[in-house]
C-alpha atoms as a PDB file:
ATOM      1  CA  UNK A   1     -64.190  23.909  78.454  1.00  0.00           C
ATOM      2  CA  UNK A   2     -61.552  24.214  75.721  1.00  0.00           C
ATOM      3  CA  UNK A   3     -60.620  20.545  76.137  1.00  0.00           C
ATOM      4  CA  UNK A   4     -64.212  19.623  75.325  1.00  0.00           C
ATOM      5  CA  UNK A   5     -64.057  21.570  72.062  1.00  0.00           C
ATOM      6  CA  UNK A   6     -60.738  19.906  71.182  1.00  0.00           C
ATOM      7  CA  UNK A   7     -62.147  16.465  71.982  1.00  0.00           C
ATOM      8  CA  UNK A   8     -65.039  17.080  69.577  1.00  0.00           C
ATOM      9  CA  UNK A   9     -62.656  17.756  66.680  1.00  0.00           C
ATOM     10  CA  UNK A  10     -60.116  14.992  67.295  1.00  0.00           C
ATOM     11  CA  UNK A  11     -61.818  12.416  65.085  1.00  0.00           C
ATOM     12  CA  UNK A  12     -63.177  14.815  62.483  1.00  0.00           C
ATOM     13  CA  UNK A  13     -60.078  15.208  60.313  1.00  0.00           C
ATOM     14  CA  UNK A  14     -59.158  12.440  57.881  1.00  0.00           C
ATOM     15  CA  UNK A  15     -55.745  10.980  58.535  1.00  0.00           C
ATOM     16  CA  UNK A  16     -55.303   9.021  55.301  1.00  0.00           C
ATOM     17  CA  UNK A  17     -53.873  10.816  52.309  1.00  0.00           C
ATOM     18  CA  UNK A  18     -55.222  10.550  48.809  1.00  0.00           C
ATOM     19  CA  UNK A  19     -58.177  11.832  46.844  1.00  0.00           C
ATOM     20  CA  UNK A  20     -60.704  10.036  49.022  1.00  0.00           C
ATOM     21  CA  UNK A  21     -64.242   9.241  47.914  1.00  0.00           C
ATOM     22  CA  UNK A  22     -64.574  12.446  45.911  1.00  0.00           C
ATOM     23  CA  UNK A  23     -62.392  11.250  43.008  1.00  0.00           C
ATOM     24  CA  UNK A  24     -64.734   8.469  41.787  1.00  0.00           C
ATOM     25  CA  UNK A  25     -67.772  10.697  42.199  1.00  0.00           C
ATOM     26  CA  UNK A  26     -66.112  13.456  40.178  1.00  0.00           C
ATOM     27  CA  UNK A  27     -65.127  10.978  37.472  1.00  0.00           C
ATOM     28  CA  UNK A  28     -68.714   9.633  37.286  1.00  0.00           C
ATOM     29  CA  UNK A  29     -70.066  13.182  37.056  1.00  0.00           C
ATOM     30  CA  UNK A  30     -67.711  14.105  34.219  1.00  0.00           C
ATOM     31  CA  UNK A  31     -68.476  10.869  32.341  1.00  0.00           C
ATOM     32  CA  UNK A  32     -72.196  11.576  32.693  1.00  0.00           C
ATOM     33  CA  UNK A  33     -71.724  15.120  31.410  1.00  0.00           C
ATOM     34  CA  UNK A  34     -69.649  13.809  28.491  1.00  0.00           C
ATOM     35  CA  UNK A  35     -72.326  11.277  27.528  1.00  0.00           C
ATOM     36  CA  UNK A  36     -74.995  13.965  27.828  1.00  0.00           C
ATOM     37  CA  UNK A  37     -72.970  16.260  25.577  1.00  0.00           C
ATOM     38  CA  UNK A  38     -72.654  13.482  22.996  1.00  0.00           C
ATOM     39  CA  UNK A  39     -76.411  12.830  23.138  1.00  0.00           C
ATOM     40  CA  UNK A  40     -77.135  16.536  22.712  1.00  0.00           C
ATOM     41  CA  UNK A  41     -74.686  16.706  19.801  1.00  0.00           C
ATOM     42  CA  UNK A  42     -76.474  13.796  18.110  1.00  0.00           C
ATOM     43  CA  UNK A  43     -79.813  15.539  18.641  1.00  0.00           C
ATOM     44  CA  UNK A  44     -78.487  18.799  17.197  1.00  0.00           C
ATOM     45  CA  UNK A  45     -77.012  17.010  14.172  1.00  0.00           C
ATOM     46  CA  UNK A  46     -80.390  15.355  13.602  1.00  0.00           C
ATOM     47  CA  UNK A  47     -82.047  18.785  13.770  1.00  0.00           C
ATOM     48  CA  UNK A  48     -79.441  20.164  11.372  1.00  0.00           C
ATOM     49  CA  UNK A  49     -80.223  17.448   8.825  1.00  0.00           C
ATOM     50  CA  UNK A  50     -83.984  18.030   9.119  1.00  0.00           C
ATOM     51  CA  UNK A  51     -83.979  21.848   9.248  1.00  0.00           C
ATOM     52  CA  UNK A  52     -80.665  23.327   8.115  1.00  0.00           C
ATOM     53  CA  UNK A  53     -80.288  26.885   9.339  1.00  0.00           C
ATOM     54  CA  UNK A  54     -77.567  29.031  10.911  1.00  0.00           C
ATOM     55  CA  UNK A  55     -78.834  28.719  14.491  1.00  0.00           C
ATOM     56  CA  UNK A  56     -78.889  24.914  14.398  1.00  0.00           C
ATOM     57  CA  UNK A  57     -75.429  24.853  12.832  1.00  0.00           C
ATOM     58  CA  UNK A  58     -74.092  27.134  15.564  1.00  0.00           C
ATOM     59  CA  UNK A  59     -75.645  24.978  18.301  1.00  0.00           C
ATOM     60  CA  UNK A  60     -74.176  21.820  16.743  1.00  0.00           C
ATOM     61  CA  UNK A  61     -70.718  23.408  16.613  1.00  0.00           C
ATOM     62  CA  UNK A  62     -70.998  24.516  20.247  1.00  0.00           C
ATOM     63  CA  UNK A  63     -72.192  21.051  21.303  1.00  0.00           C
ATOM     64  CA  UNK A  64     -69.227  19.480  19.506  1.00  0.00           C
ATOM     65  CA  UNK A  65     -66.859  21.886  21.244  1.00  0.00           C
ATOM     66  CA  UNK A  66     -68.294  21.057  24.669  1.00  0.00           C
ATOM     67  CA  UNK A  67     -68.073  17.311  23.977  1.00  0.00           C
ATOM     68  CA  UNK A  68     -64.438  17.612  22.889  1.00  0.00           C
ATOM     69  CA  UNK A  69     -63.563  19.779  25.903  1.00  0.00           C
ATOM     70  CA  UNK A  70     -65.173  17.314  28.324  1.00  0.00           C
ATOM     71  CA  UNK A  71     -63.413  14.399  26.629  1.00  0.00           C
ATOM     72  CA  UNK A  72     -60.025  16.092  26.936  1.00  0.00           C
ATOM     73  CA  UNK A  73     -60.720  16.992  30.566  1.00  0.00           C
ATOM     74  CA  UNK A  74     -61.716  13.399  31.334  1.00  0.00           C
ATOM     75  CA  UNK A  75     -58.541  12.053  29.709  1.00  0.00           C
ATOM     76  CA  UNK A  76     -56.408  14.545  31.654  1.00  0.00           C
ATOM     77  CA  UNK A  77     -58.273  13.747  34.881  1.00  0.00           C
ATOM     78  CA  UNK A  78     -57.633  10.025  34.486  1.00  0.00           C
ATOM     79  CA  UNK A  79     -53.930  10.635  33.865  1.00  0.00           C
ATOM     80  CA  UNK A  80     -53.596  12.927  36.890  1.00  0.00           C
ATOM     81  CA  UNK A  81     -55.479  10.563  39.207  1.00  0.00           C
ATOM     82  CA  UNK A  82     -53.483   7.568  37.986  1.00  0.00           C
ATOM     83  CA  UNK A  83     -50.243   9.429  38.708  1.00  0.00           C
ATOM     84  CA  UNK A  84     -51.438  10.353  42.204  1.00  0.00           C
ATOM     85  CA  UNK A  85     -52.884   6.956  43.097  1.00  0.00           C
ATOM     86  CA  UNK A  86     -50.030   4.773  41.806  1.00  0.00           C
ATOM     87  CA  UNK A  87     -47.902   3.608  44.746  1.00  0.00           C
ATOM     88  CA  UNK A  88     -44.303   4.734  44.514  1.00  0.00           C
ATOM     89  CA  UNK A  89     -41.295   2.800  45.829  1.00  0.00           C
ATOM     90  CA  UNK A  90     -39.755   4.151  49.028  1.00  0.00           C
ATOM     91  CA  UNK A  91     -37.244   6.912  48.483  1.00  0.00           C
ATOM     92  CA  UNK A  92     -38.842   8.064  45.234  1.00  0.00           C
ATOM     93  CA  UNK A  93     -40.530  11.468  45.409  1.00  0.00           C
ATOM     94  CA  UNK A  94     -44.279  11.517  44.836  1.00  0.00           C
ATOM     95  CA  UNK A  95     -46.074  13.774  42.381  1.00  0.00           C
END
């Protein structure tokens, strides 16, 4: 009976190394969040011009902070993925 359980799991583990299909999906998700943050920042700045008050100013500052943080994360993510996905010559240690 144990051999049957082992046979069920033989093909279930990925043998290839690398980030797999999750890396592009994660990148698309972060890009979408970044674009959404920029759109929200534009909306808040429009509200700030129309009705200047402390709450709108605070929300615009927070939206700008989130957009900057997502942009920095996206730039760092691209650099890390590029370093991991770039083929290295034999004998050279990988990252």
